[in-house]
Structures are given as structure tokens and as C-alpha cells.
PDB file of N, CA and C in Angstrom:
ATOM      1  N   UNK A   1     107.408 170.342 170.849  1.00  0.00           N
ATOM      2  CA  UNK A   1     106.298 169.885 171.841  1.00  0.00           C
ATOM      3  C   UNK A   1     105.701 168.732 170.995  1.00  0.00           C
ATOM      4  N   UNK A   2     106.034 167.628 171.797  1.00  0.00           N
ATOM      5  CA  UNK A   2     105.445 166.211 170.903  1.00  0.00           C
ATOM      6  C   UNK A   2     103.756 166.269 171.519  1.00  0.00           C
ATOM      7  N   UNK A   3     102.994 165.875 170.026  1.00  0.00           N
ATOM      8  CA  UNK A   3     101.709 165.763 170.489  1.00  0.00           C
ATOM      9  C   UNK A   3     101.230 164.315 170.673  1.00  0.00           C
ATOM     10  N   UNK A   4     100.562 164.320 171.758  1.00  0.00           N
ATOM     11  CA  UNK A   4     100.055 162.524 172.449  1.00  0.00           C
ATOM     12  C   UNK A   4      98.777 162.129 171.866  1.00  0.00           C
ATOM     13  N   UNK A   5      98.877 161.963 170.301  1.00  0.00           N
ATOM     14  CA  UNK A   5      97.781 161.581 169.585  1.00  0.00           C
ATOM     15  C   UNK A   5      98.056 159.955 169.431  1.00  0.00           C
ATOM     16  N   UNK A   6      96.780 159.424 169.457  1.00  0.00           N
ATOM     17  CA  UNK A   6      97.053 158.080 169.218  1.00  0.00           C
ATOM     18  C   UNK A   6      96.347 157.613 167.460  1.00  0.00           C
ATOM     19  N   UNK A   7      96.517 158.569 166.714  1.00  0.00           N
ATOM     20  CA  UNK A   7      96.137 158.354 165.464  1.00  0.00           C
ATOM     21  C   UNK A   7      94.806 157.290 165.451  1.00  0.00           C
ATOM     22  N   UNK A   8      93.967 156.944 165.949  1.00  0.00           N
ATOM     23  CA  UNK A   8      92.901 156.484 166.032  1.00  0.00           C
ATOM     24  C   UNK A   8      92.917 155.228 166.800  1.00  0.00           C
ATOM     25  N   UNK A   9      94.043 154.763 167.206  1.00  0.00           N
ATOM     26  CA  UNK A   9      94.114 153.388 167.695  1.00  0.00           C
ATOM     27  C   UNK A   9      93.922 153.781 169.575  1.00  0.00           C
ATOM     28  N   UNK A  10      93.527 152.253 169.968  1.00  0.00           N
ATOM     29  CA  UNK A  10      92.933 152.048 171.271  1.00  0.00           C
ATOM     30  C   UNK A  10      94.223 152.158 171.954  1.00  0.00           C
ATOM     31  N   UNK A  11      94.080 152.207 173.616  1.00  0.00           N
ATOM     32  CA  UNK A  11      94.923 151.998 174.132  1.00  0.00           C
ATOM     33  C   UNK A  11      95.906 150.304 174.208  1.00  0.00           C
ATOM     34  N   UNK A  12      94.513 149.370 174.140  1.00  0.00           N
ATOM     35  CA  UNK A  12      95.105 148.070 173.908  1.00  0.00           C
ATOM     36  C   UNK A  12      96.368 148.040 172.835  1.00  0.00           C
ATOM     37  N   UNK A  13      95.827 148.778 172.003  1.00  0.00           N
ATOM     38  CA  UNK A  13      96.734 148.569 170.427  1.00  0.00           C
ATOM     39  C   UNK A  13      97.712 149.278 170.812  1.00  0.00           C
ATOM     40  N   UNK A  14      98.089 150.139 171.370  1.00  0.00           N
ATOM     41  CA  UNK A  14      99.378 150.882 171.201  1.00  0.00           C
ATOM     42  C   UNK A  14      99.949 150.385 172.463  1.00  0.00           C
ATOM     43  N   UNK A  15      99.613 149.107 173.226  1.00  0.00           N
ATOM     44  CA  UNK A  15     100.453 148.802 173.653  1.00  0.00           C
ATOM     45  C   UNK A  15     100.746 147.229 174.184  1.00  0.00           C
ATOM     46  N   UNK A  16      99.643 146.258 173.067  1.00  0.00           N
ATOM     47  CA  UNK A  16      99.583 145.127 172.725  1.00  0.00           C
ATOM     48  C   UNK A  16     100.222 145.093 171.543  1.00  0.00           C
ATOM     49  N   UNK A  17     101.300 144.138 171.386  1.00  0.00           N
ATOM     50  CA  UNK A  17     102.134 144.203 169.624  1.00  0.00           C
ATOM     51  C   UNK A  17     101.418 142.845 169.465  1.00  0.00           C
ATOM     52  N   UNK A  18     101.025 142.035 169.966  1.00  0.00           N
ATOM     53  CA  UNK A  18     100.441 140.596 169.535  1.00  0.00           C
ATOM     54  C   UNK A  18      99.054 141.012 168.578  1.00  0.00           C
ATOM     55  N   UNK A  19      98.802 139.660 168.174  1.00  0.00           N
ATOM     56  CA  UNK A  19      97.097 139.539 167.244  1.00  0.00           C
ATOM     57  C   UNK A  19      96.558 139.650 168.633  1.00  0.00           C
ATOM     58  N   UNK A  20      94.913 139.663 168.303  1.00  0.00           N
ATOM     59  CA  UNK A  20      93.728 139.839 168.944  1.00  0.00           C
ATOM     60  C   UNK A  20      93.550 138.163 168.860  1.00  0.00           C
ATOM     61  N   UNK A  21      93.333 137.613 170.179  1.00  0.00           N
ATOM     62  CA  UNK A  21      92.899 136.077 170.158  1.00  0.00           C
ATOM     63  C   UNK A  21      91.528 135.754 169.544  1.00  0.00           C
ATOM     64  N   UNK A  22      91.325 134.608 169.005  1.00  0.00           N
ATOM     65  CA  UNK A  22      89.894 134.457 168.519  1.00  0.00           C
ATOM     66  C   UNK A  22      89.354 133.860 169.476  1.00  0.00           C
ATOM     67  N   UNK A  23      87.933 134.446 169.659  1.00  0.00           N
ATOM     68  CA  UNK A  23      87.087 133.302 170.542  1.00  0.00           C
ATOM     69  C   UNK A  23      86.839 132.267 170.614  1.00  0.00           C
ATOM     70  N   UNK A  24      86.890 131.320 171.787  1.00  0.00           N
ATOM     71  CA  UNK A  24      86.561 129.966 171.375  1.00  0.00           C
ATOM     72  C   UNK A  24      85.247 129.565 171.190  1.00  0.00           C
ATOM     73  N   UNK A  25      84.922 128.975 170.326  1.00  0.00           N
ATOM     74  CA  UNK A  25      83.709 128.685 170.327  1.00  0.00           C
ATOM     75  C   UNK A  25      83.279 126.995 170.992  1.00  0.00           C
ATOM     76  N   UNK A  26      82.378 127.498 172.229  1.00  0.00           N
ATOM     77  CA  UNK A  26      81.394 126.170 172.854  1.00  0.00           C
ATOM     78  C   UNK A  26      81.106 125.533 171.843  1.00  0.00           C
ATOM     79  N   UNK A  27      81.382 124.107 171.830  1.00  0.00           N
ATOM     80  CA  UNK A  27      80.234 123.065 170.914  1.00  0.00           C
ATOM     81  C   UNK A  27      79.047 123.096 171.356  1.00  0.00           C
ATOM     82  N   UNK A  28      78.564 122.284 170.422  1.00  0.00           N
ATOM     83  CA  UNK A  28      76.875 122.496 170.719  1.00  0.00           C
ATOM     84  C   UNK A  28      76.578 120.864 171.172  1.00  0.00           C
ATOM     85  N   UNK A  29      77.139 120.244 171.129  1.00  0.00           N
ATOM     86  CA  UNK A  29      76.802 118.650 171.585  1.00  0.00           C
ATOM     87  C   UNK A  29      77.213 118.602 172.877  1.00  0.00           C
ATOM     88  N   UNK A  30      76.120 117.710 173.317  1.00  0.00           N
ATOM     89  CA  UNK A  30      76.422 117.385 174.791  1.00  0.00           C
ATOM     90  C   UNK A  30      74.692 116.839 175.270  1.00  0.00           C
ATOM     91  N   UNK A  31      74.497 116.921 176.605  1.00  0.00           N
ATOM     92  CA  UNK A  31      73.269 116.787 177.055  1.00  0.00           C
ATOM     93  C   UNK A  31      72.598 117.960 177.441  1.00  0.00           C
ATOM     94  N   UNK A  32      72.878 118.993 176.458  1.00  0.00           N
ATOM     95  CA  UNK A  32      72.002 120.271 176.883  1.00  0.00           C
ATOM     96  C   UNK A  32      72.938 121.412 177.505  1.00  0.00           C
ATOM     97  N   UNK A  33      74.139 120.922 177.776  1.00  0.00           N
ATOM     98  CA  UNK A  33      75.121 122.212 178.107  1.00  0.00           C
ATOM     99  C   UNK A  33      74.653 122.515 179.830  1.00  0.00           C
ATOM    100  N   UNK A  34      75.115 123.682 179.815  1.00  0.00           N
ATOM    101  CA  UNK A  34      74.886 124.668 181.366  1.00  0.00           C
ATOM    102  C   UNK A  34      73.663 124.763 181.246  1.00  0.00           C
ATOM    103  N   UNK A  35      73.092 125.195 180.769  1.00  0.00           N
ATOM    104  CA  UNK A  35      71.638 126.246 180.634  1.00  0.00           C
ATOM    105  C   UNK A  35      70.897 124.992 181.012  1.00  0.00           C
ATOM    106  N   UNK A  36      70.698 123.821 180.735  1.00  0.00           N
ATOM    107  CA  UNK A  36      70.116 122.610 181.060  1.00  0.00           C
ATOM    108  C   UNK A  36      70.067 122.253 182.395  1.00  0.00           C
ATOM    109  N   UNK A  37      71.568 122.145 182.524  1.00  0.00           N
ATOM    110  CA  UNK A  37      72.304 121.543 183.907  1.00  0.00           C
ATOM    111  C   UNK A  37      71.687 122.642 184.958  1.00  0.00           C
ATOM    112  N   UNK A  38      71.757 123.958 184.696  1.00  0.00           N
ATOM    113  CA  UNK A  38      71.395 124.778 186.057  1.00  0.00           C
ATOM    114  C   UNK A  38      69.832 124.772 185.774  1.00  0.00           C
ATOM    115  N   UNK A  39      69.319 124.588 184.618  1.00  0.00           N
ATOM    116  CA  UNK A  39      67.882 124.749 185.066  1.00  0.00           C
ATOM    117  C   UNK A  39      67.067 123.548 185.857  1.00  0.00           C
ATOM    118  N   UNK A  40      67.730 122.901 185.537  1.00  0.00           N
ATOM    119  CA  UNK A  40      67.205 121.324 186.330  1.00  0.00           C
ATOM    120  C   UNK A  40      67.508 121.459 187.903  1.00  0.00           C
ATOM    121  N   UNK A  41      68.647 122.017 188.120  1.00  0.00           N
ATOM    122  CA  UNK A  41      69.008 122.386 189.476  1.00  0.00           C
ATOM    123  C   UNK A  41      68.267 123.676 190.043  1.00  0.00           C
ATOM    124  N   UNK A  42      67.600 124.604 189.264  1.00  0.00           N
ATOM    125  CA  UNK A  42      66.602 125.390 189.991  1.00  0.00           C
ATOM    126  C   UNK A  42      65.235 125.027 190.147  1.00  0.00           C
ATOM    127  N   UNK A  43      65.268 123.944 189.115  1.00  0.00           N
ATOM    128  CA  UNK A  43      64.036 123.352 188.939  1.00  0.00           C
ATOM    129  C   UNK A  43      63.677 122.532 190.210  1.00  0.00           C
ATOM    130  N   UNK A  44      64.575 121.965 190.689  1.00  0.00           N
ATOM    131  CA  UNK A  44      64.920 120.699 192.065  1.00  0.00           C
ATOM    132  C   UNK A  44      64.692 121.913 193.552  1.00  0.00           C
ATOM    133  N   UNK A  45      65.062 122.960 193.235  1.00  0.00           N
ATOM    134  CA  UNK A  45      65.323 124.119 194.314  1.00  0.00           C
ATOM    135  C   UNK A  45      63.810 124.573 194.593  1.00  0.00           C
ATOM    136  N   UNK A  46      63.094 124.999 193.416  1.00  0.00           N
ATOM    137  CA  UNK A  46      61.876 125.647 193.685  1.00  0.00           C
ATOM    138  C   UNK A  46      61.056 124.263 194.391  1.00  0.00           C
ATOM    139  N   UNK A  47      61.331 122.994 193.797  1.00  0.00           N
ATOM    140  CA  UNK A  47      60.318 121.973 194.380  1.00  0.00           C
ATOM    141  C   UNK A  47      60.353 121.643 195.770  1.00  0.00           C
ATOM    142  N   UNK A  48      61.670 121.897 196.411  1.00  0.00           N
ATOM    143  CA  UNK A  48      61.753 122.077 197.630  1.00  0.00           C
ATOM    144  C   UNK A  48      61.311 123.089 198.223  1.00  0.00           C
ATOM    145  N   UNK A  49      61.667 124.253 197.668  1.00  0.00           N
ATOM    146  CA  UNK A  49      60.970 125.492 198.424  1.00  0.00           C
ATOM    147  C   UNK A  49      59.185 125.526 198.442  1.00  0.00           C
ATOM    148  N   UNK A  50      59.049 124.879 197.545  1.00  0.00           N
ATOM    149  CA  UNK A  50      57.444 124.574 197.615  1.00  0.00           C
ATOM    150  C   UNK A  50      56.664 123.836 198.702  1.00  0.00           C
ATOM    151  N   UNK A  51      57.690 122.679 198.698  1.00  0.00           N
ATOM    152  CA  UNK A  51      57.177 121.677 199.663  1.00  0.00           C
ATOM    153  C   UNK A  51      57.440 122.618 201.132  1.00  0.00           C
ATOM    154  N   UNK A  52      58.569 123.117 201.249  1.00  0.00           N
ATOM    155  CA  UNK A  52      58.478 123.489 202.682  1.00  0.00           C
ATOM    156  C   UNK A  52      57.573 124.746 203.059  1.00  0.00           C
ATOM    157  N   UNK A  53      57.317 125.717 202.089  1.00  0.00           N
ATOM    158  CA  UNK A  53      56.450 126.726 201.877  1.00  0.00           C
ATOM    159  C   UNK A  53      54.782 125.971 202.619  1.00  0.00           C
ATOM    160  N   UNK A  54      54.387 124.883 201.814  1.00  0.00           N
ATOM    161  CA  UNK A  54      53.213 123.881 201.882  1.00  0.00           C
ATOM    162  C   UNK A  54      53.216 123.575 203.446  1.00  0.00           C
ATOM    163  N   UNK A  55      54.057 122.957 203.752  1.00  0.00           N
ATOM    164  CA  UNK A  55      54.456 122.282 205.397  1.00  0.00           C
ATOM    165  C   UNK A  55      54.191 123.574 206.590  1.00  0.00           C
ATOM    166  N   UNK A  56      54.856 124.290 205.964  1.00  0.00           N
ATOM    167  CA  UNK A  56      54.852 125.826 207.077  1.00  0.00           C
ATOM    168  C   UNK A  56      52.978 126.513 207.172  1.00  0.00           C
ATOM    169  N   UNK A  57      52.552 126.662 205.983  1.00  0.00           N
ATOM    170  CA  UNK A  57      51.405 126.986 205.898  1.00  0.00           C
ATOM    171  C   UNK A  57      50.453 125.993 206.603  1.00  0.00           C
ATOM    172  N   UNK A  58      50.802 124.852 206.529  1.00  0.00           N
ATOM    173  CA  UNK A  58      50.066 124.049 207.345  1.00  0.00           C
ATOM    174  C   UNK A  58      49.784 123.766 208.728  1.00  0.00           C
ATOM    175  N   UNK A  59      51.162 124.129 209.186  1.00  0.00           N
ATOM    176  CA  UNK A  59      51.651 124.589 210.763  1.00  0.00           C
ATOM    177  C   UNK A  59      51.123 125.449 211.373  1.00  0.00           C
ATOM    178  N   UNK A  60      51.407 126.416 210.333  1.00  0.00           N
ATOM    179  CA  UNK A  60      50.831 127.860 210.661  1.00  0.00           C
ATOM    180  C   UNK A  60      49.136 127.953 211.080  1.00  0.00           C
ATOM    181  N   UNK A  61      48.482 127.090 210.281  1.00  0.00           N
ATOM    182  CA  UNK A  61      46.859 127.008 210.030  1.00  0.00           C
ATOM    183  C   UNK A  61      46.470 125.962 211.030  1.00  0.00           C
ATOM    184  N   UNK A  62      46.845 125.272 211.796  1.00  0.00           N
ATOM    185  CA  UNK A  62      46.907 124.429 212.802  1.00  0.00           C
ATOM    186  C   UNK A  62      46.826 125.016 213.941  1.00  0.00           C
ATOM    187  N   UNK A  63      48.071 125.895 213.982  1.00  0.00           N
ATOM    188  CA  UNK A  63      48.738 126.399 215.368  1.00  0.00           C
ATOM    189  C   UNK A  63      47.647 127.788 215.643  1.00  0.00           C
ATOM    190  N   UNK A  64      47.057 128.589 214.287  1.00  0.00           N
ATOM    191  CA  UNK A  64      46.419 129.523 214.515  1.00  0.00           C
ATOM    192  C   UNK A  64      44.910 128.695 215.062  1.00  0.00           C
ATOM    193  N   UNK A  65      44.274 127.854 214.478  1.00  0.00           N
ATOM    194  CA  UNK A  65      42.974 127.189 215.042  1.00  0.00           C
ATOM    195  C   UNK A  65      43.188 126.508 216.556  1.00  0.00           C
ATOM    196  N   UNK A  66      44.512 126.073 216.619  1.00  0.00           N
ATOM    197  CA  UNK A  66      44.531 125.819 218.269  1.00  0.00           C
ATOM    198  C   UNK A  66      44.249 127.163 219.178  1.00  0.00           C
ATOM    199  N   UNK A  67      45.194 127.705 218.614  1.00  0.00           N
ATOM    200  CA  UNK A  67      45.110 129.075 219.481  1.00  0.00           C
ATOM    201  C   UNK A  67      43.454 129.832 219.484  1.00  0.00           C
ATOM    202  N   UNK A  68      42.965 129.992 218.966  1.00  0.00           N
ATOM    203  CA  UNK A  68      41.273 130.461 218.484  1.00  0.00           C
ATOM    204  C   UNK A  68      40.794 129.398 219.431  1.00  0.00           C
ATOM    205  N   UNK A  69      40.843 128.028 219.166  1.00  0.00           N
ATOM    206  CA  UNK A  69      39.928 127.406 219.690  1.00  0.00           C
ATOM    207  C   UNK A  69      40.247 127.949 221.626  1.00  0.00           C
ATOM    208  N   UNK A  70      41.367 127.997 221.886  1.00  0.00           N
ATOM    209  CA  UNK A  70      42.061 128.181 222.919  1.00  0.00           C
ATOM    210  C   UNK A  70      41.105 129.214 223.806  1.00  0.00           C
ATOM    211  N   UNK A  71      41.089 130.171 222.858  1.00  0.00           N
ATOM    212  CA  UNK A  71      40.678 131.815 223.389  1.00  0.00           C
ATOM    213  C   UNK A  71      38.997 131.719 223.311  1.00  0.00           C
ATOM    214  N   UNK A  72      38.519 130.990 222.261  1.00  0.00           N
ATOM    215  CA  UNK A  72      36.842 131.010 222.430  1.00  0.00           C
ATOM    216  C   UNK A  72      36.429 129.874 223.741  1.00  0.00           C
ATOM    217  N   UNK A  73      37.549 129.088 224.268  1.00  0.00           N
ATOM    218  CA  UNK A  73      37.220 128.002 225.360  1.00  0.00           C
ATOM    219  C   UNK A  73      37.278 129.241 226.805  1.00  0.00           C
ATOM    220  N   UNK A  74      38.076 130.181 226.755  1.00  0.00           N
ATOM    221  CA  UNK A  74      38.541 130.983 227.545  1.00  0.00           C
ATOM    222  C   UNK A  74      37.543 132.067 228.138  1.00  0.00           C
ATOM    223  N   UNK A  75      37.075 132.665 226.623  1.00  0.00           N
ATOM    224  CA  UNK A  75      35.860 133.402 226.697  1.00  0.00           C
ATOM    225  C   UNK A  75      34.065 132.588 227.123  1.00  0.00           C
ATOM    226  N   UNK A  76      34.444 131.584 226.804  1.00  0.00           N
ATOM    227  CA  UNK A  76      33.079 130.960 227.143  1.00  0.00           C
ATOM    228  C   UNK A  76      32.814 130.448 228.316  1.00  0.00           C
ATOM    229  N   UNK A  77      34.328 130.111 229.187  1.00  0.00           N
ATOM    230  CA  UNK A  77      34.183 129.648 230.542  1.00  0.00           C
ATOM    231  C   UNK A  77      34.027 131.231 231.219  1.00  0.00           C
ATOM    232  N   UNK A  78      34.266 132.242 231.339  1.00  0.00           N
ATOM    233  CA  UNK A  78      34.177 133.756 231.944  1.00  0.00           C
ATOM    234  C   UNK A  78      32.705 134.003 231.834  1.00  0.00           C
ATOM    235  N   UNK A  79      31.830 133.650 230.585  1.00  0.00           N
ATOM    236  CA  UNK A  79      30.525 134.163 230.294  1.00  0.00           C
ATOM    237  C   UNK A  79      29.827 133.150 231.287  1.00  0.00           C
ATOM    238  N   UNK A  80      30.238 131.894 231.512  1.00  0.00           N
ATOM    239  CA  UNK A  80      29.249 131.055 232.102  1.00  0.00           C
ATOM    240  C   UNK A  80      29.191 130.993 233.463  1.00  0.00           C
ATOM    241  N   UNK A  81      30.298 131.799 234.225  1.00  0.00           N
ATOM    242  CA  UNK A  81      30.051 131.658 235.696  1.00  0.00           C
ATOM    243  C   UNK A  81      29.152 132.828 236.316  1.00  0.00           C
TER     244      UNK A  81
END
């Protein structure tokens, strides 16, 4: 009966006869690379989100003020009768 030992080699070493590929290094030249590109996009997105949040809060505040004043007028009319 034969032993199924790999003699310390991994599965890939057993089935792949070719040499391992060398990792490709990305060049460091350019305008900052992908990190700068996506950082700028995220920054722009956060600016838009902040603008929308501020606008929404102003609308909510105005709506609450109008609603509160309407309730205040209704209550004052009932007590004056």
C-alpha cells in the first residue's frame, strides 16, 4: 500500500510544474495614485452629504416651528371663547 505523503510540499506545488510568478510592483510615479483619486471622491461625497443634511435640518426646523405656532394659535383660540 502506498503512502499519500506530500513530502512537505503544498497542494499547489504538487500540481503546478511551472515557476511561481513574480509579483508586479506598481510604479510610484503619477498624481498620487488610486488612494488620492478615491480620497478626493470620498471628500466630494461627504461635502454633498453635509449640504443635504444641513438643508434637511433647516426644513425640519421650519416645519416644526410652523406646526408649533399652529398648535399655539389653536389653543389660544379655544381659551378665549
